[in-house]
């Protein structure tokens, strides 16, 4: 979905790890065509290079800052799980079934991500 000129201009100004909450409410439409008021956040994920990832987050009944922080924390957890699984450590292939034996490698990886 193409971004508006205003959104592209805002995105160019954002530094890595920063965002901008759009001032007014926007409306999304639910399954029955009922408008749902949302606040929109545009968040620069990593670098300011053209084409680098960004996030458009729509929040409903939640403070945009809190919603952005929750999303950031969830994405960190997903990165750790991905690193533990097939895109990194490949924990499944270690055949560790005893939680006490798996504790050390999982702890080290979590420490590396903190």
Protein backbone atom coordinates (compact mmCIF):
# COMPACT_ATOMS: atom_id res chain seq x y z
CA UNK A 1 0.00 0.00 0.00
CA UNK A 2 1.58 3.32 -1.01
CA UNK A 3 2.16 5.96 1.66
CA UNK A 4 0.81 9.47 1.33
CA UNK A 5 3.26 12.27 0.58
CA UNK A 6 2.87 13.52 4.18
CA UNK A 7 3.70 10.09 5.61
CA UNK A 8 6.75 9.75 3.33
CA UNK A 9 8.00 13.16 4.41
CA UNK A 10 7.57 12.28 8.10
CA UNK A 11 9.30 8.94 7.59
CA UNK A 12 12.33 10.66 6.02
CA UNK A 13 12.71 12.81 9.15
CA UNK A 14 12.52 9.96 11.66
CA UNK A 15 15.70 8.57 13.14
CA UNK A 16 16.17 4.88 13.79
CA UNK A 17 13.99 3.68 16.67
CA UNK A 18 11.76 6.75 16.71
CA UNK A 19 8.17 7.34 15.76
CA UNK A 20 5.47 9.89 15.19
CA UNK A 21 1.87 9.73 16.36
CA UNK A 22 -0.55 11.31 13.92
CA UNK A 23 -2.50 13.95 15.79
CA UNK A 24 -6.07 13.21 14.81
CA UNK A 25 -8.10 10.03 14.97
CA UNK A 26 -8.57 8.03 11.80
CA UNK A 27 -11.30 5.49 11.21
CA UNK A 28 -11.04 1.86 10.20
CA UNK A 29 -14.17 -0.03 9.39
CA UNK A 30 -15.12 -3.23 11.19
CA UNK A 31 -16.83 -6.30 9.77
CA UNK A 32 -20.24 -4.67 9.85
CA UNK A 33 -19.06 -1.39 8.35
CA UNK A 34 -18.95 0.28 11.76
CA UNK A 35 -16.24 2.95 11.97
CA UNK A 36 -13.62 2.29 14.65
CA UNK A 37 -11.60 5.32 15.78
CA UNK A 38 -7.86 4.59 15.84
CA UNK A 39 -4.68 6.54 16.47
CA UNK A 40 -1.93 5.91 13.94
CA UNK A 41 1.79 5.67 14.70
CA UNK A 42 4.50 5.71 12.03
CA UNK A 43 7.66 4.08 13.44
CA UNK A 44 11.14 3.92 11.85
CA UNK A 45 12.50 0.47 12.65
CA UNK A 46 16.22 0.65 11.80
CA UNK A 47 18.02 2.91 9.36
CA UNK A 48 16.89 6.01 7.49
CA UNK A 49 17.84 4.52 4.14
CA UNK A 50 15.15 4.50 1.47
CA UNK A 51 13.23 1.25 1.52
CA UNK A 52 14.25 0.29 5.06
CA UNK A 53 11.52 -1.27 7.25
CA UNK A 54 9.02 0.84 9.10
CA UNK A 55 5.88 0.12 11.05
CA UNK A 56 2.42 1.61 10.74
CA UNK A 57 0.60 0.83 13.97
CA UNK A 58 -3.10 1.57 14.54
CA UNK A 59 -4.24 1.58 18.17
CA UNK A 60 -7.73 1.45 19.57
CA UNK A 61 -8.45 2.21 23.21
CA UNK A 62 -4.73 2.24 23.97
CA UNK A 63 -2.23 5.02 24.33
CA UNK A 64 -0.12 5.11 21.13
CA UNK A 65 3.13 5.27 23.12
CA UNK A 66 2.18 2.24 25.22
CA UNK A 67 1.05 0.30 22.14
CA UNK A 68 4.33 1.05 20.38
CA UNK A 69 6.35 -0.09 23.42
CA UNK A 70 4.32 -3.32 23.65
CA UNK A 71 4.88 -4.01 19.96
CA UNK A 72 8.62 -3.37 20.35
CA UNK A 73 8.83 -5.79 23.27
CA UNK A 74 6.84 -8.45 21.41
CA UNK A 75 9.10 -8.15 18.38
CA UNK A 76 12.18 -8.63 20.60
CA UNK A 77 10.66 -11.81 22.01
CA UNK A 78 9.91 -13.05 18.49
CA UNK A 79 13.55 -12.40 17.51
CA UNK A 80 14.77 -14.48 20.46
CA UNK A 81 12.42 -17.34 19.54
CA UNK A 82 13.57 -17.18 15.91
CA UNK A 83 17.21 -17.29 17.03
CA UNK A 84 16.46 -20.28 19.28
CA UNK A 85 14.76 -22.15 16.48
CA UNK A 86 15.68 -22.87 12.88
CA UNK A 87 16.96 -19.36 12.04
CA UNK A 88 19.83 -19.57 14.47
CA UNK A 89 20.66 -21.88 17.33
CA UNK A 90 18.39 -24.69 16.07
CA UNK A 91 17.39 -25.80 19.55
CA UNK A 92 15.17 -28.55 18.11
CA UNK A 93 18.16 -30.47 16.74
CA UNK A 94 19.96 -30.55 20.11
CA UNK A 95 17.48 -33.17 21.44
CA UNK A 96 17.47 -31.41 24.81
CA UNK A 97 14.31 -32.53 26.60
CA UNK A 98 15.28 -31.86 30.21
CA UNK A 99 14.42 -28.21 31.02
CA UNK A 100 17.37 -27.92 33.42
CA UNK A 101 19.81 -28.86 30.61
CA UNK A 102 18.22 -26.41 28.16
CA UNK A 103 18.29 -23.59 30.70
CA UNK A 104 21.94 -22.60 30.13
CA UNK A 105 21.89 -22.20 26.30
CA UNK A 106 18.52 -20.43 26.42
CA UNK A 107 19.76 -18.11 29.18
CA UNK A 108 22.93 -17.27 27.25
CA UNK A 109 20.98 -16.44 24.14
CA UNK A 110 18.52 -14.26 26.10
CA UNK A 111 21.48 -12.47 27.69
CA UNK A 112 22.98 -11.86 24.25
CA UNK A 113 19.74 -10.18 23.13
CA UNK A 114 19.45 -7.95 26.20
